[in-house]
């Protein structure tokens, strides 16, 4: 067994995705990931464990999309780190590894985008970064201190993920249906977000 955190290479055909990997990536973001690897050759090593059922093979814990990109780029060997974890710990890692990230501090992100903009256009940055061209343009424009700045909901979006049982889901749906406005200038998702904010605002004032 390799020492923890040692990077070593594994043939691509010896790596197998975990069947319960919950993490999904949009095609647009995936294409940016693949483009980055193709352009630079750099990527974070894939985290694996010895496969519990297939001899001389490995199961992916983190890095499913990187492996997919590397396969499409016809790479034969993949940089990996091997972790010694059992089935239960693997399931916990699959659930948490892709959710335990921080969030961008807006003023620093803006400064970083402005620095990159000295070399790249917004259109070029949109091809290289997860952000859209519109988001990059707004980040470039943030030249003043922005402590307490109210973020533009069309440019900077926050994802909330939680699970509800059937009864809770029905109750939430009923509340959202009452709170939603028929504003046709907004998408259904935007109107739903507005309704949820309205409900939260009502209870935050109690």
C-alpha atoms as a PDB file:
ATOM      1  CA  UNK A   1       0.000   0.000   0.000  1.00  0.00           C
ATOM      2  CA  UNK A   2       1.162   3.510  -0.777  1.00  0.00           C
ATOM      3  CA  UNK A   3       1.842   5.927   2.045  1.00  0.00           C
ATOM      4  CA  UNK A   4      -1.033   8.353   2.803  1.00  0.00           C
ATOM      5  CA  UNK A   5      -1.067  11.353   0.451  1.00  0.00           C
ATOM      6  CA  UNK A   6       1.660   9.972  -1.798  1.00  0.00           C
ATOM      7  CA  UNK A   7       0.728  10.632  -5.421  1.00  0.00           C
ATOM      8  CA  UNK A   8       1.111   7.660  -7.734  1.00  0.00           C
ATOM      9  CA  UNK A   9      -0.215   6.715 -11.158  1.00  0.00           C
ATOM     10  CA  UNK A  10      -2.869   4.126 -11.937  1.00  0.00           C
ATOM     11  CA  UNK A  11      -3.906   2.887 -15.397  1.00  0.00           C
ATOM     12  CA  UNK A  12      -7.218   4.459 -16.358  1.00  0.00           C
ATOM     13  CA  UNK A  13      -8.830   1.056 -16.925  1.00  0.00           C
ATOM     14  CA  UNK A  14      -8.094   0.078 -13.303  1.00  0.00           C
ATOM     15  CA  UNK A  15     -10.230   2.906 -11.909  1.00  0.00           C
ATOM     16  CA  UNK A  16     -13.948   2.457 -11.272  1.00  0.00           C
ATOM     17  CA  UNK A  17     -16.601   4.979 -10.234  1.00  0.00           C
ATOM     18  CA  UNK A  18     -18.454   4.361  -6.987  1.00  0.00           C
ATOM     19  CA  UNK A  19     -22.065   3.458  -7.881  1.00  0.00           C
ATOM     20  CA  UNK A  20     -23.449   5.774  -5.179  1.00  0.00           C
ATOM     21  CA  UNK A  21     -21.533   8.902  -6.114  1.00  0.00           C
ATOM     22  CA  UNK A  22     -24.132  11.697  -5.733  1.00  0.00           C
ATOM     23  CA  UNK A  23     -22.122  14.558  -7.227  1.00  0.00           C
ATOM     24  CA  UNK A  24     -23.233  15.838 -10.624  1.00  0.00           C
ATOM     25  CA  UNK A  25     -21.736  18.523 -12.845  1.00  0.00           C
ATOM     26  CA  UNK A  26     -23.380  20.492 -15.624  1.00  0.00           C
ATOM     27  CA  UNK A  27     -22.048  19.879 -19.123  1.00  0.00           C
ATOM     28  CA  UNK A  28     -20.855  23.478 -19.376  1.00  0.00           C
ATOM     29  CA  UNK A  29     -18.775  23.240 -16.197  1.00  0.00           C
ATOM     30  CA  UNK A  30     -17.481  19.799 -17.213  1.00  0.00           C
ATOM     31  CA  UNK A  31     -16.273  21.160 -20.543  1.00  0.00           C
ATOM     32  CA  UNK A  32     -14.368  23.898 -18.685  1.00  0.00           C
ATOM     33  CA  UNK A  33     -12.775  21.279 -16.439  1.00  0.00           C
ATOM     34  CA  UNK A  34     -11.749  19.199 -19.454  1.00  0.00           C
ATOM     35  CA  UNK A  35     -10.436  22.284 -21.251  1.00  0.00           C
ATOM     36  CA  UNK A  36      -8.351  23.245 -18.215  1.00  0.00           C
ATOM     37  CA  UNK A  37      -6.762  19.788 -18.011  1.00  0.00           C
ATOM     38  CA  UNK A  38      -6.125  19.718 -21.762  1.00  0.00           C
ATOM     39  CA  UNK A  39      -4.571  23.203 -21.711  1.00  0.00           C
ATOM     40  CA  UNK A  40      -2.405  22.901 -18.591  1.00  0.00           C
ATOM     41  CA  UNK A  41      -2.059  19.189 -17.905  1.00  0.00           C
ATOM     42  CA  UNK A  42      -2.761  19.967 -14.245  1.00  0.00           C
ATOM     43  CA  UNK A  43      -5.469  18.485 -12.030  1.00  0.00           C
ATOM     44  CA  UNK A  44      -5.931  17.470  -8.420  1.00  0.00           C
ATOM     45  CA  UNK A  45      -5.026  13.804  -7.895  1.00  0.00           C
ATOM     46  CA  UNK A  46      -8.031  11.503  -7.757  1.00  0.00           C
ATOM     47  CA  UNK A  47      -8.716  10.006  -4.325  1.00  0.00           C
ATOM     48  CA  UNK A  48      -9.206   6.242  -4.442  1.00  0.00           C
ATOM     49  CA  UNK A  49      -9.319   3.157  -2.279  1.00  0.00           C
ATOM     50  CA  UNK A  50      -8.562  -0.486  -3.164  1.00  0.00           C
ATOM     51  CA  UNK A  51     -11.646  -1.822  -4.922  1.00  0.00           C
ATOM     52  CA  UNK A  52     -13.612  -4.081  -2.555  1.00  0.00           C
ATOM     53  CA  UNK A  53     -14.659  -6.485  -5.312  1.00  0.00           C
ATOM     54  CA  UNK A  54     -12.313  -6.151  -8.300  1.00  0.00           C
ATOM     55  CA  UNK A  55      -8.762  -7.422  -7.826  1.00  0.00           C
ATOM     56  CA  UNK A  56      -5.855  -5.059  -8.552  1.00  0.00           C
ATOM     57  CA  UNK A  57      -8.274  -2.198  -9.130  1.00  0.00           C
ATOM     58  CA  UNK A  58      -9.394   0.936  -7.334  1.00  0.00           C
ATOM     59  CA  UNK A  59     -12.693   2.620  -6.515  1.00  0.00           C
ATOM     60  CA  UNK A  60     -12.998   6.403  -6.776  1.00  0.00           C
ATOM     61  CA  UNK A  61     -13.885   8.361  -3.641  1.00  0.00           C
ATOM     62  CA  UNK A  62     -13.381  11.846  -5.076  1.00  0.00           C
ATOM     63  CA  UNK A  63     -12.624  12.840  -8.656  1.00  0.00           C
ATOM     64  CA  UNK A  64     -15.274  11.160 -10.810  1.00  0.00           C
ATOM     65  CA  UNK A  65     -15.515  14.119 -13.205  1.00  0.00           C
ATOM     66  CA  UNK A  66     -11.745  14.461 -13.451  1.00  0.00           C
ATOM     67  CA  UNK A  67     -11.512  10.803 -14.469  1.00  0.00           C
ATOM     68  CA  UNK A  68     -14.257  11.269 -17.067  1.00  0.00           C
ATOM     69  CA  UNK A  69     -12.388  14.249 -18.497  1.00  0.00           C
ATOM     70  CA  UNK A  70      -9.083  12.362 -18.535  1.00  0.00           C
ATOM     71  CA  UNK A  71     -10.719   9.435 -20.337  1.00  0.00           C
ATOM     72  CA  UNK A  72     -12.118  11.760 -22.992  1.00  0.00           C
ATOM     73  CA  UNK A  73      -8.633  13.238 -23.377  1.00  0.00           C
ATOM     74  CA  UNK A  74      -7.286   9.703 -23.968  1.00  0.00           C
ATOM     75  CA  UNK A  75      -5.015   9.733 -20.925  1.00  0.00           C
ATOM     76  CA  UNK A  76      -3.766   6.255 -20.092  1.00  0.00           C
ATOM     77  CA  UNK A  77      -2.390   6.939 -16.597  1.00  0.00           C
ATOM     78  CA  UNK A  78      -3.995   8.993 -13.832  1.00  0.00           C
ATOM     79  CA  UNK A  79      -2.468  10.707 -10.781  1.00  0.00           C
ATOM     80  CA  UNK A  80      -4.077   9.279  -7.627  1.00  0.00           C
ATOM     81  CA  UNK A  81      -3.880   9.283  -3.847  1.00  0.00           C
ATOM     82  CA  UNK A  82      -4.870   6.081  -2.039  1.00  0.00           C
ATOM     83  CA  UNK A  83      -6.858   6.213   1.193  1.00  0.00           C
ATOM     84  CA  UNK A  84      -7.321   3.251   3.507  1.00  0.00           C
ATOM     85  CA  UNK A  85     -11.049   3.513   4.304  1.00  0.00           C
ATOM     86  CA  UNK A  86     -13.819   0.961   4.813  1.00  0.00           C
ATOM     87  CA  UNK A  87     -17.251   0.881   3.166  1.00  0.00           C
ATOM     88  CA  UNK A  88     -18.958   3.035   5.791  1.00  0.00           C
ATOM     89  CA  UNK A  89     -16.278   5.726   5.736  1.00  0.00           C
ATOM     90  CA  UNK A  90     -16.348   5.721   1.938  1.00  0.00           C
ATOM     91  CA  UNK A  91     -20.085   6.445   1.945  1.00  0.00           C
ATOM     92  CA  UNK A  92     -19.557   9.309   4.397  1.00  0.00           C
ATOM     93  CA  UNK A  93     -16.809  10.750   2.219  1.00  0.00           C
ATOM     94  CA  UNK A  94     -18.947  10.483  -0.915  1.00  0.00           C
ATOM     95  CA  UNK A  95     -21.622  12.469   0.900  1.00  0.00           C
ATOM     96  CA  UNK A  96     -19.346  15.178   2.304  1.00  0.00           C
ATOM     97  CA  UNK A  97     -16.235  15.716   0.171  1.00  0.00           C
ATOM     98  CA  UNK A  98     -18.041  17.652  -2.526  1.00  0.00           C
ATOM     99  CA  UNK A  99     -20.019  19.721   0.005  1.00  0.00           C
ATOM    100  CA  UNK A 100     -17.312  20.792   2.459  1.00  0.00           C
ATOM    101  CA  UNK A 101     -16.027  23.668   0.367  1.00  0.00           C
ATOM    102  CA  UNK A 102     -15.862  27.272   1.409  1.00  0.00           C
ATOM    103  CA  UNK A 103     -17.357  30.145  -0.505  1.00  0.00           C
ATOM    104  CA  UNK A 104     -15.629  32.972  -2.340  1.00  0.00           C
ATOM    105  CA  UNK A 105     -15.020  36.181  -0.375  1.00  0.00           C
ATOM    106  CA  UNK A 106     -16.469  38.677  -2.824  1.00  0.00           C
ATOM    107  CA  UNK A 107     -13.949  41.536  -2.578  1.00  0.00           C
ATOM    108  CA  UNK A 108     -11.000  39.149  -2.940  1.00  0.00           C
ATOM    109  CA  UNK A 109     -12.688  37.350  -5.836  1.00  0.00           C
ATOM    110  CA  UNK A 110     -13.251  40.721  -7.512  1.00  0.00           C
ATOM    111  CA  UNK A 111      -9.590  41.663  -7.053  1.00  0.00           C
ATOM    112  CA  UNK A 112      -8.531  38.316  -8.498  1.00  0.00           C
ATOM    113  CA  UNK A 113     -10.781  38.745 -11.538  1.00  0.00           C
ATOM    114  CA  UNK A 114      -9.448  42.276 -12.099  1.00  0.00           C
ATOM    115  CA  UNK A 115      -5.890  40.942 -11.985  1.00  0.00           C
ATOM    116  CA  UNK A 116      -6.717  38.204 -14.498  1.00  0.00           C
ATOM    117  CA  UNK A 117      -8.501  40.725 -16.697  1.00  0.00           C
ATOM    118  CA  UNK A 118      -5.192  42.442 -17.399  1.00  0.00           C
ATOM    119  CA  UNK A 119      -4.315  39.406 -19.503  1.00  0.00           C
ATOM    120  CA  UNK A 120      -7.636  37.837 -20.440  1.00  0.00           C
ATOM    121  CA  UNK A 121     -10.909  39.235 -21.773  1.00  0.00           C
ATOM    122  CA  UNK A 122     -14.164  38.445 -19.985  1.00  0.00           C
ATOM    123  CA  UNK A 123     -15.069  36.089 -22.809  1.00  0.00           C
ATOM    124  CA  UNK A 124     -11.773  34.224 -22.407  1.00  0.00           C
ATOM    125  CA  UNK A 125     -12.163  34.046 -18.618  1.00  0.00           C
ATOM    126  CA  UNK A 126     -15.676  32.640 -18.994  1.00  0.00           C
ATOM    127  CA  UNK A 127     -14.150  29.735 -20.913  1.00  0.00           C
ATOM    128  CA  UNK A 128     -11.537  29.127 -18.216  1.00  0.00           C
ATOM    129  CA  UNK A 129     -13.527  29.722 -15.005  1.00  0.00           C
ATOM    130  CA  UNK A 130     -16.800  28.350 -13.601  1.00  0.00           C
ATOM    131  CA  UNK A 131     -18.247  31.890 -13.727  1.00  0.00           C
ATOM    132  CA  UNK A 132     -20.324  33.251 -16.615  1.00  0.00           C
ATOM    133  CA  UNK A 133     -19.246  36.258 -18.670  1.00  0.00           C
ATOM    134  CA  UNK A 134     -21.955  38.357 -16.982  1.00  0.00           C
ATOM    135  CA  UNK A 135     -20.680  37.436 -13.510  1.00  0.00           C
ATOM    136  CA  UNK A 136     -17.093  38.217 -14.513  1.00  0.00           C
ATOM    137  CA  UNK A 137     -18.121  41.636 -15.846  1.00  0.00           C
ATOM    138  CA  UNK A 138     -19.835  42.474 -12.537  1.00  0.00           C
ATOM    139  CA  UNK A 139     -16.846  41.274 -10.520  1.00  0.00           C
ATOM    140  CA  UNK A 140     -14.556  43.468 -12.643  1.00  0.00           C
ATOM    141  CA  UNK A 141     -16.762  46.460 -11.882  1.00  0.00           C
ATOM    142  CA  UNK A 142     -16.532  46.085  -8.089  1.00  0.00           C
ATOM    143  CA  UNK A 143     -13.778  48.615  -7.446  1.00  0.00           C
ATOM    144  CA  UNK A 144     -14.970  50.037  -4.110  1.00  0.00           C
ATOM    145  CA  UNK A 145     -15.032  48.401  -0.663  1.00  0.00           C
ATOM    146  CA  UNK A 146     -18.055  46.120  -0.645  1.00  0.00           C
ATOM    147  CA  UNK A 147     -18.578  45.317   3.024  1.00  0.00           C
ATOM    148  CA  UNK A 148     -22.275  44.779   3.464  1.00  0.00           C
ATOM    149  CA  UNK A 149     -22.912  44.850  -0.287  1.00  0.00           C
ATOM    150  CA  UNK A 150     -26.216  43.254  -1.282  1.00  0.00           C
ATOM    151  CA  UNK A 151     -25.314  40.729  -3.955  1.00  0.00           C
ATOM    152  CA  UNK A 152     -27.165  40.782  -7.268  1.00  0.00           C
ATOM    153  CA  UNK A 153     -29.291  37.641  -7.297  1.00  0.00           C
ATOM    154  CA  UNK A 154     -28.831  37.319 -11.052  1.00  0.00           C
ATOM    155  CA  UNK A 155     -25.040  37.322 -10.798  1.00  0.00           C
ATOM    156  CA  UNK A 156     -24.157  35.624  -7.520  1.00  0.00           C
ATOM    157  CA  UNK A 157     -26.295  32.635  -6.599  1.00  0.00           C
ATOM    158  CA  UNK A 158     -26.160  30.506  -3.454  1.00  0.00           C
ATOM    159  CA  UNK A 159     -27.331  26.904  -3.523  1.00  0.00           C
ATOM    160  CA  UNK A 160     -29.203  25.478  -0.538  1.00  0.00           C
ATOM    161  CA  UNK A 161     -29.488  21.703  -0.312  1.00  0.00           C
ATOM    162  CA  UNK A 162     -31.683  19.918   2.221  1.00  0.00           C
ATOM    163  CA  UNK A 163     -33.912  16.867   2.396  1.00  0.00           C
ATOM    164  CA  UNK A 164     -37.596  16.720   3.363  1.00  0.00           C
ATOM    165  CA  UNK A 165     -39.914  13.841   4.108  1.00  0.00           C
ATOM    166  CA  UNK A 166     -43.213  13.655   2.185  1.00  0.00           C
ATOM    167  CA  UNK A 167     -45.227  15.575   4.771  1.00  0.00           C
ATOM    168  CA  UNK A 168     -42.628  18.339   5.021  1.00  0.00           C
ATOM    169  CA  UNK A 169     -42.361  18.575   1.221  1.00  0.00           C
ATOM    170  CA  UNK A 170     -46.136  18.974   0.894  1.00  0.00           C
ATOM    171  CA  UNK A 171     -46.184  21.683   3.570  1.00  0.00           C
ATOM    172  CA  UNK A 172     -43.325  23.599   1.955  1.00  0.00           C
ATOM    173  CA  UNK A 173     -44.937  23.342  -1.480  1.00  0.00           C
ATOM    174  CA  UNK A 174     -48.230  24.726  -0.143  1.00  0.00           C
ATOM    175  CA  UNK A 175     -46.440  27.645   1.512  1.00  0.00           C
ATOM    176  CA  UNK A 176     -44.440  28.424  -1.633  1.00  0.00           C
ATOM    177  CA  UNK A 177     -47.560  28.288  -3.798  1.00  0.00           C
ATOM    178  CA  UNK A 178     -49.185  30.916  -1.563  1.00  0.00           C
ATOM    179  CA  UNK A 179     -46.100  33.144  -1.397  1.00  0.00           C
ATOM    180  CA  UNK A 180     -45.119  33.015  -5.084  1.00  0.00           C
ATOM    181  CA  UNK A 181     -46.013  35.946  -7.315  1.00  0.00           C
ATOM    182  CA  UNK A 182     -47.021  35.620 -10.996  1.00  0.00           C
ATOM    183  CA  UNK A 183     -44.123  37.764 -12.200  1.00  0.00           C
ATOM    184  CA  UNK A 184     -43.573  36.566 -15.783  1.00  0.00           C
ATOM    185  CA  UNK A 185     -40.327  38.517 -16.068  1.00  0.00           C
ATOM    186  CA  UNK A 186     -38.705  35.955 -13.754  1.00  0.00           C
ATOM    187  CA  UNK A 187     -38.127  32.242 -14.163  1.00  0.00           C
ATOM    188  CA  UNK A 188     -39.993  29.733 -12.028  1.00  0.00           C
ATOM    189  CA  UNK A 189     -36.827  29.098 -10.007  1.00  0.00           C
ATOM    190  CA  UNK A 190     -36.385  32.829  -9.358  1.00  0.00           C
ATOM    191  CA  UNK A 191     -40.006  33.216  -8.257  1.00  0.00           C
ATOM    192  CA  UNK A 192     -39.611  30.200  -5.991  1.00  0.00           C
ATOM    193  CA  UNK A 193     -36.471  31.722  -4.446  1.00  0.00           C
ATOM    194  CA  UNK A 194     -38.318  35.022  -3.923  1.00  0.00           C
ATOM    195  CA  UNK A 195     -41.170  33.184  -2.186  1.00  0.00           C
ATOM    196  CA  UNK A 196     -38.799  31.313   0.105  1.00  0.00           C
ATOM    197  CA  UNK A 197     -37.052  34.587   0.986  1.00  0.00           C
ATOM    198  CA  UNK A 198     -40.414  36.217   1.732  1.00  0.00           C
ATOM    199  CA  UNK A 199     -41.323  33.393   4.132  1.00  0.00           C
ATOM    200  CA  UNK A 200     -37.886  33.558   5.826  1.00  0.00           C
ATOM    201  CA  UNK A 201     -38.158  37.350   6.157  1.00  0.00           C
ATOM    202  CA  UNK A 202     -41.540  37.044   7.861  1.00  0.00           C
ATOM    203  CA  UNK A 203     -40.203  34.727  10.570  1.00  0.00           C
ATOM    204  CA  UNK A 204     -36.877  36.533  10.967  1.00  0.00           C
ATOM    205  CA  UNK A 205     -38.787  39.597  12.204  1.00  0.00           C
ATOM    206  CA  UNK A 206     -40.541  37.751  15.018  1.00  0.00           C
END
